[in-house]
Amino acid sequence: MAVPKRKTSKARRDKRRAANIKMTAPHLVECKSCHEKMMPHHVCPSCGKYKGEEVVAVDE
């Protein structure tokens, strides 16, 4: 069985792990009723509608 000659440092280990984690901004779409930016497949936080139907009552 292969055994490493030296201990892998924390910096080298974490650099290798960080290469797979790339942060991206969330994709936003325009709400069809109020034209505000919102997450896709979620209730609009500004008007409370989902697919044109009011789901959540929003205090204005």
PDB file of N, CA and C in Angstrom:
ATOM      1  N   MET A   1       0.837  -1.182   0.000  1.00  0.00           N
ATOM      2  CA  MET A   1       0.000   0.000   0.000  1.00  0.00           C
ATOM      3  C   MET A   1       0.883   1.246   0.000  1.00  0.00           C
ATOM      4  N   ALA A   2       0.516   2.240  -0.800  1.00  0.00           N
ATOM      5  CA  ALA A   2       1.295   3.477  -0.886  1.00  0.00           C
ATOM      6  C   ALA A   2       1.061   4.322   0.356  1.00  0.00           C
ATOM      7  N   VAL A   3       2.158   4.841   0.894  1.00  0.00           N
ATOM      8  CA  VAL A   3       2.097   5.679   2.085  1.00  0.00           C
ATOM      9  C   VAL A   3       2.811   6.990   1.767  1.00  0.00           C
ATOM     10  N   PRO A   4       2.222   8.151   2.097  1.00  0.00           N
ATOM     11  CA  PRO A   4       2.881   9.426   1.810  1.00  0.00           C
ATOM     12  C   PRO A   4       4.147   9.608   2.649  1.00  0.00           C
ATOM     13  N   LYS A   5       5.178  10.219   2.023  1.00  0.00           N
ATOM     14  CA  LYS A   5       6.431  10.442   2.743  1.00  0.00           C
ATOM     15  C   LYS A   5       6.318  11.568   3.758  1.00  0.00           C
ATOM     16  N   ARG A   6       5.510  12.604   3.411  1.00  0.00           N
ATOM     17  CA  ARG A   6       5.374  13.757   4.303  1.00  0.00           C
ATOM     18  C   ARG A   6       3.897  14.098   4.504  1.00  0.00           C
ATOM     19  N   LYS A   7       3.630  14.769   5.604  1.00  0.00           N
ATOM     20  CA  LYS A   7       2.275  15.209   5.898  1.00  0.00           C
ATOM     21  C   LYS A   7       1.875  16.320   4.921  1.00  0.00           C
ATOM     22  N   THR A   8       0.660  16.245   4.420  1.00  0.00           N
ATOM     23  CA  THR A   8       0.137  17.308   3.562  1.00  0.00           C
ATOM     24  C   THR A   8      -0.274  18.475   4.444  1.00  0.00           C
ATOM     25  N   SER A   9       0.258  19.662   4.134  1.00  0.00           N
ATOM     26  CA  SER A   9      -0.045  20.832   4.961  1.00  0.00           C
ATOM     27  C   SER A   9      -1.509  21.243   4.794  1.00  0.00           C
ATOM     28  N   LYS A  10      -2.007  21.995   5.770  1.00  0.00           N
ATOM     29  CA  LYS A  10      -3.398  22.439   5.728  1.00  0.00           C
ATOM     30  C   LYS A  10      -3.647  23.355   4.537  1.00  0.00           C
ATOM     31  N   ALA A  11      -2.672  24.196   4.218  1.00  0.00           N
ATOM     32  CA  ALA A  11      -2.828  25.113   3.089  1.00  0.00           C
ATOM     33  C   ALA A  11      -2.931  24.351   1.772  1.00  0.00           C
ATOM     34  N   ARG A  12      -2.074  23.363   1.576  1.00  0.00           N
ATOM     35  CA  ARG A  12      -2.101  22.574   0.344  1.00  0.00           C
ATOM     36  C   ARG A  12      -3.394  21.763   0.247  1.00  0.00           C
ATOM     37  N   ARG A  13      -3.812  21.179   1.362  1.00  0.00           N
ATOM     38  CA  ARG A  13      -5.049  20.402   1.398  1.00  0.00           C
ATOM     39  C   ARG A  13      -6.256  21.287   1.067  1.00  0.00           C
ATOM     40  N   ASP A  14      -6.324  22.476   1.691  1.00  0.00           N
ATOM     41  CA  ASP A  14      -7.470  23.353   1.495  1.00  0.00           C
ATOM     42  C   ASP A  14      -7.491  23.965   0.098  1.00  0.00           C
ATOM     43  N   LYS A  15      -6.322  24.227  -0.499  1.00  0.00           N
ATOM     44  CA  LYS A  15      -6.277  24.719  -1.878  1.00  0.00           C
ATOM     45  C   LYS A  15      -6.843  23.679  -2.835  1.00  0.00           C
ATOM     46  N   ARG A  16      -6.542  22.442  -2.603  1.00  0.00           N
ATOM     47  CA  ARG A  16      -7.057  21.373  -3.453  1.00  0.00           C
ATOM     48  C   ARG A  16      -8.580  21.259  -3.316  1.00  0.00           C
ATOM     49  N   ARG A  17      -9.075  21.360  -2.105  1.00  0.00           N
ATOM     50  CA  ARG A  17     -10.511  21.245  -1.883  1.00  0.00           C
ATOM     51  C   ARG A  17     -11.276  22.451  -2.414  1.00  0.00           C
ATOM     52  N   ALA A  18     -10.656  23.633  -2.351  1.00  0.00           N
ATOM     53  CA  ALA A  18     -11.338  24.851  -2.772  1.00  0.00           C
ATOM     54  C   ALA A  18     -11.496  24.927  -4.282  1.00  0.00           C
ATOM     55  N   ALA A  19     -10.728  24.145  -5.044  1.00  0.00           N
ATOM     56  CA  ALA A  19     -10.830  24.189  -6.499  1.00  0.00           C
ATOM     57  C   ALA A  19     -12.180  23.688  -6.980  1.00  0.00           C
ATOM     58  N   ASN A  20     -12.859  22.851  -6.194  1.00  0.00           N
ATOM     59  CA  ASN A  20     -14.136  22.293  -6.602  1.00  0.00           C
ATOM     60  C   ASN A  20     -15.324  23.144  -6.175  1.00  0.00           C
ATOM     61  N   ILE A  21     -15.091  24.132  -5.324  1.00  0.00           N
ATOM     62  CA  ILE A  21     -16.180  24.965  -4.809  1.00  0.00           C
ATOM     63  C   ILE A  21     -16.074  26.336  -5.444  1.00  0.00           C
ATOM     64  N   LYS A  22     -16.915  26.586  -6.428  1.00  0.00           N
ATOM     65  CA  LYS A  22     -16.911  27.882  -7.094  1.00  0.00           C
ATOM     66  C   LYS A  22     -18.257  28.543  -6.817  1.00  0.00           C
ATOM     67  N   MET A  23     -18.240  29.667  -6.141  1.00  0.00           N
ATOM     68  CA  MET A  23     -19.458  30.357  -5.788  1.00  0.00           C
ATOM     69  C   MET A  23     -19.957  31.155  -6.989  1.00  0.00           C
ATOM     70  N   THR A  24     -21.237  31.048  -7.274  1.00  0.00           N
ATOM     71  CA  THR A  24     -21.850  31.813  -8.354  1.00  0.00           C
ATOM     72  C   THR A  24     -23.054  32.562  -7.801  1.00  0.00           C
ATOM     73  N   ALA A  25     -23.387  33.643  -8.453  1.00  0.00           N
ATOM     74  CA  ALA A  25     -24.541  34.423  -8.042  1.00  0.00           C
ATOM     75  C   ALA A  25     -25.814  33.647  -8.373  1.00  0.00           C
ATOM     76  N   PRO A  26     -26.852  33.772  -7.556  1.00  0.00           N
ATOM     77  CA  PRO A  26     -28.089  33.048  -7.848  1.00  0.00           C
ATOM     78  C   PRO A  26     -28.740  33.579  -9.116  1.00  0.00           C
ATOM     79  N   HIS A  27     -29.341  32.682  -9.882  1.00  0.00           N
ATOM     80  CA  HIS A  27     -30.019  33.065 -11.114  1.00  0.00           C
ATOM     81  C   HIS A  27     -31.340  33.718 -10.756  1.00  0.00           C
ATOM     82  N   LEU A  28     -31.592  34.910 -11.274  1.00  0.00           N
ATOM     83  CA  LEU A  28     -32.820  35.637 -10.975  1.00  0.00           C
ATOM     84  C   LEU A  28     -33.639  35.812 -12.243  1.00  0.00           C
ATOM     85  N   VAL A  29     -34.945  35.734 -12.102  1.00  0.00           N
ATOM     86  CA  VAL A  29     -35.863  35.961 -13.214  1.00  0.00           C
ATOM     87  C   VAL A  29     -36.795  37.101 -12.835  1.00  0.00           C
ATOM     88  N   GLU A  30     -37.520  37.621 -13.833  1.00  0.00           N
ATOM     89  CA  GLU A  30     -38.428  38.732 -13.598  1.00  0.00           C
ATOM     90  C   GLU A  30     -39.811  38.203 -13.271  1.00  0.00           C
ATOM     91  N   CYS A  31     -40.413  38.741 -12.235  1.00  0.00           N
ATOM     92  CA  CYS A  31     -41.787  38.366 -11.866  1.00  0.00           C
ATOM     93  C   CYS A  31     -42.726  38.860 -12.965  1.00  0.00           C
ATOM     94  N   LYS A  32     -43.673  38.006 -13.380  1.00  0.00           N
ATOM     95  CA  LYS A  32     -44.568  38.370 -14.480  1.00  0.00           C
ATOM     96  C   LYS A  32     -45.614  39.401 -14.082  1.00  0.00           C
ATOM     97  N   SER A  33     -45.907  39.523 -12.790  1.00  0.00           N
ATOM     98  CA  SER A  33     -46.949  40.455 -12.382  1.00  0.00           C
ATOM     99  C   SER A  33     -46.390  41.807 -11.932  1.00  0.00           C
ATOM    100  N   CYS A  34     -45.307  41.810 -11.163  1.00  0.00           N
ATOM    101  CA  CYS A  34     -44.777  43.088 -10.654  1.00  0.00           C
ATOM    102  C   CYS A  34     -43.427  43.463 -11.260  1.00  0.00           C
ATOM    103  N   HIS A  35     -42.821  42.576 -12.053  1.00  0.00           N
ATOM    104  CA  HIS A  35     -41.554  42.823 -12.766  1.00  0.00           C
ATOM    105  C   HIS A  35     -40.362  43.059 -11.844  1.00  0.00           C
ATOM    106  N   GLU A  36     -40.423  42.508 -10.631  1.00  0.00           N
ATOM    107  CA  GLU A  36     -39.280  42.553  -9.717  1.00  0.00           C
ATOM    108  C   GLU A  36     -38.447  41.293  -9.920  1.00  0.00           C
ATOM    109  N   LYS A  37     -37.168  41.343  -9.533  1.00  0.00           N
ATOM    110  CA  LYS A  37     -36.307  40.175  -9.638  1.00  0.00           C
ATOM    111  C   LYS A  37     -36.648  39.189  -8.523  1.00  0.00           C
ATOM    112  N   MET A  38     -36.688  37.883  -8.880  1.00  0.00           N
ATOM    113  CA  MET A  38     -37.019  36.851  -7.908  1.00  0.00           C
ATOM    114  C   MET A  38     -36.323  35.555  -8.301  1.00  0.00           C
ATOM    115  N   MET A  39     -36.226  34.614  -7.351  1.00  0.00           N
ATOM    116  CA  MET A  39     -35.655  33.313  -7.630  1.00  0.00           C
ATOM    117  C   MET A  39     -36.660  32.498  -8.455  1.00  0.00           C
ATOM    118  N   PRO A  40     -36.186  31.731  -9.439  1.00  0.00           N
ATOM    119  CA  PRO A  40     -37.131  30.933 -10.218  1.00  0.00           C
ATOM    120  C   PRO A  40     -37.767  29.830  -9.365  1.00  0.00           C
ATOM    121  N   HIS A  41     -39.016  29.509  -9.660  1.00  0.00           N
ATOM    122  CA  HIS A  41     -39.792  28.480  -8.965  1.00  0.00           C
ATOM    123  C   HIS A  41     -40.003  28.808  -7.493  1.00  0.00           C
ATOM    124  N   HIS A  42     -40.050  30.100  -7.151  1.00  0.00           N
ATOM    125  CA  HIS A  42     -40.319  30.544  -5.784  1.00  0.00           C
ATOM    126  C   HIS A  42     -41.439  31.583  -5.818  1.00  0.00           C
ATOM    127  N   VAL A  43     -42.075  31.806  -4.680  1.00  0.00           N
ATOM    128  CA  VAL A  43     -43.074  32.854  -4.551  1.00  0.00           C
ATOM    129  C   VAL A  43     -42.358  34.198  -4.579  1.00  0.00           C
ATOM    130  N   CYS A  44     -42.918  35.152  -5.304  1.00  0.00           N
ATOM    131  CA  CYS A  44     -42.316  36.489  -5.397  1.00  0.00           C
ATOM    132  C   CYS A  44     -42.386  37.160  -4.027  1.00  0.00           C
ATOM    133  N   PRO A  45     -41.251  37.632  -3.497  1.00  0.00           N
ATOM    134  CA  PRO A  45     -41.281  38.249  -2.169  1.00  0.00           C
ATOM    135  C   PRO A  45     -41.959  39.617  -2.143  1.00  0.00           C
ATOM    136  N   SER A  46     -42.060  40.306  -3.287  1.00  0.00           N
ATOM    137  CA  SER A  46     -42.641  41.645  -3.270  1.00  0.00           C
ATOM    138  C   SER A  46     -44.157  41.641  -3.461  1.00  0.00           C
ATOM    139  N   CYS A  47     -44.683  40.734  -4.300  1.00  0.00           N
ATOM    140  CA  CYS A  47     -46.136  40.728  -4.515  1.00  0.00           C
ATOM    141  C   CYS A  47     -46.821  39.474  -3.978  1.00  0.00           C
ATOM    142  N   GLY A  48     -46.086  38.411  -3.677  1.00  0.00           N
ATOM    143  CA  GLY A  48     -46.661  37.200  -3.091  1.00  0.00           C
ATOM    144  C   GLY A  48     -47.359  36.296  -4.079  1.00  0.00           C
ATOM    145  N   LYS A  49     -47.039  36.425  -5.375  1.00  0.00           N
ATOM    146  CA  LYS A  49     -47.696  35.597  -6.387  1.00  0.00           C
ATOM    147  C   LYS A  49     -46.750  34.516  -6.889  1.00  0.00           C
ATOM    148  N   TYR A  50     -47.347  33.397  -7.318  1.00  0.00           N
ATOM    149  CA  TYR A  50     -46.602  32.301  -7.934  1.00  0.00           C
ATOM    150  C   TYR A  50     -47.401  31.827  -9.130  1.00  0.00           C
ATOM    151  N   LYS A  51     -46.814  31.902 -10.305  1.00  0.00           N
ATOM    152  CA  LYS A  51     -47.465  31.540 -11.571  1.00  0.00           C
ATOM    153  C   LYS A  51     -48.767  32.313 -11.765  1.00  0.00           C
ATOM    154  N   GLY A  52     -48.762  33.595 -11.413  1.00  0.00           N
ATOM    155  CA  GLY A  52     -49.918  34.458 -11.624  1.00  0.00           C
ATOM    156  C   GLY A  52     -50.992  34.386 -10.566  1.00  0.00           C
ATOM    157  N   GLU A  53     -50.903  33.454  -9.641  1.00  0.00           N
ATOM    158  CA  GLU A  53     -51.911  33.331  -8.583  1.00  0.00           C
ATOM    159  C   GLU A  53     -51.335  33.822  -7.262  1.00  0.00           C
ATOM    160  N   GLU A  54     -52.147  34.546  -6.489  1.00  0.00           N
ATOM    161  CA  GLU A  54     -51.690  35.042  -5.200  1.00  0.00           C
ATOM    162  C   GLU A  54     -51.656  33.880  -4.206  1.00  0.00           C
ATOM    163  N   VAL A  55     -50.479  33.628  -3.656  1.00  0.00           N
ATOM    164  CA  VAL A  55     -50.273  32.514  -2.737  1.00  0.00           C
ATOM    165  C   VAL A  55     -50.099  33.022  -1.319  1.00  0.00           C
ATOM    166  N   VAL A  56     -49.367  34.129  -1.173  1.00  0.00           N
ATOM    167  CA  VAL A  56     -49.064  34.699   0.128  1.00  0.00           C
ATOM    168  C   VAL A  56     -49.558  36.133   0.160  1.00  0.00           C
ATOM    169  N   ALA A  57     -50.266  36.503   1.220  1.00  0.00           N
ATOM    170  CA  ALA A  57     -50.686  37.883   1.379  1.00  0.00           C
ATOM    171  C   ALA A  57     -49.510  38.710   1.867  1.00  0.00           C
ATOM    172  N   VAL A  58     -49.197  39.797   1.138  1.00  0.00           N
ATOM    173  CA  VAL A  58     -48.052  40.641   1.463  1.00  0.00           C
ATOM    174  C   VAL A  58     -48.558  41.978   1.984  1.00  0.00           C
ATOM    175  N   ASP A  59     -48.054  42.412   3.132  1.00  0.00           N
ATOM    176  CA  ASP A  59     -48.409  43.719   3.680  1.00  0.00           C
ATOM    177  C   ASP A  59     -47.633  44.791   2.943  1.00  0.00           C
ATOM    178  N   GLU A  60     -48.340  45.804   2.489  1.00  0.00           N
ATOM    179  CA  GLU A  60     -47.675  46.882   1.760  1.00  0.00           C
ATOM    180  C   GLU A  60     -47.716  48.185   2.498  1.00  0.00           C
TER     181      GLU A  60
END
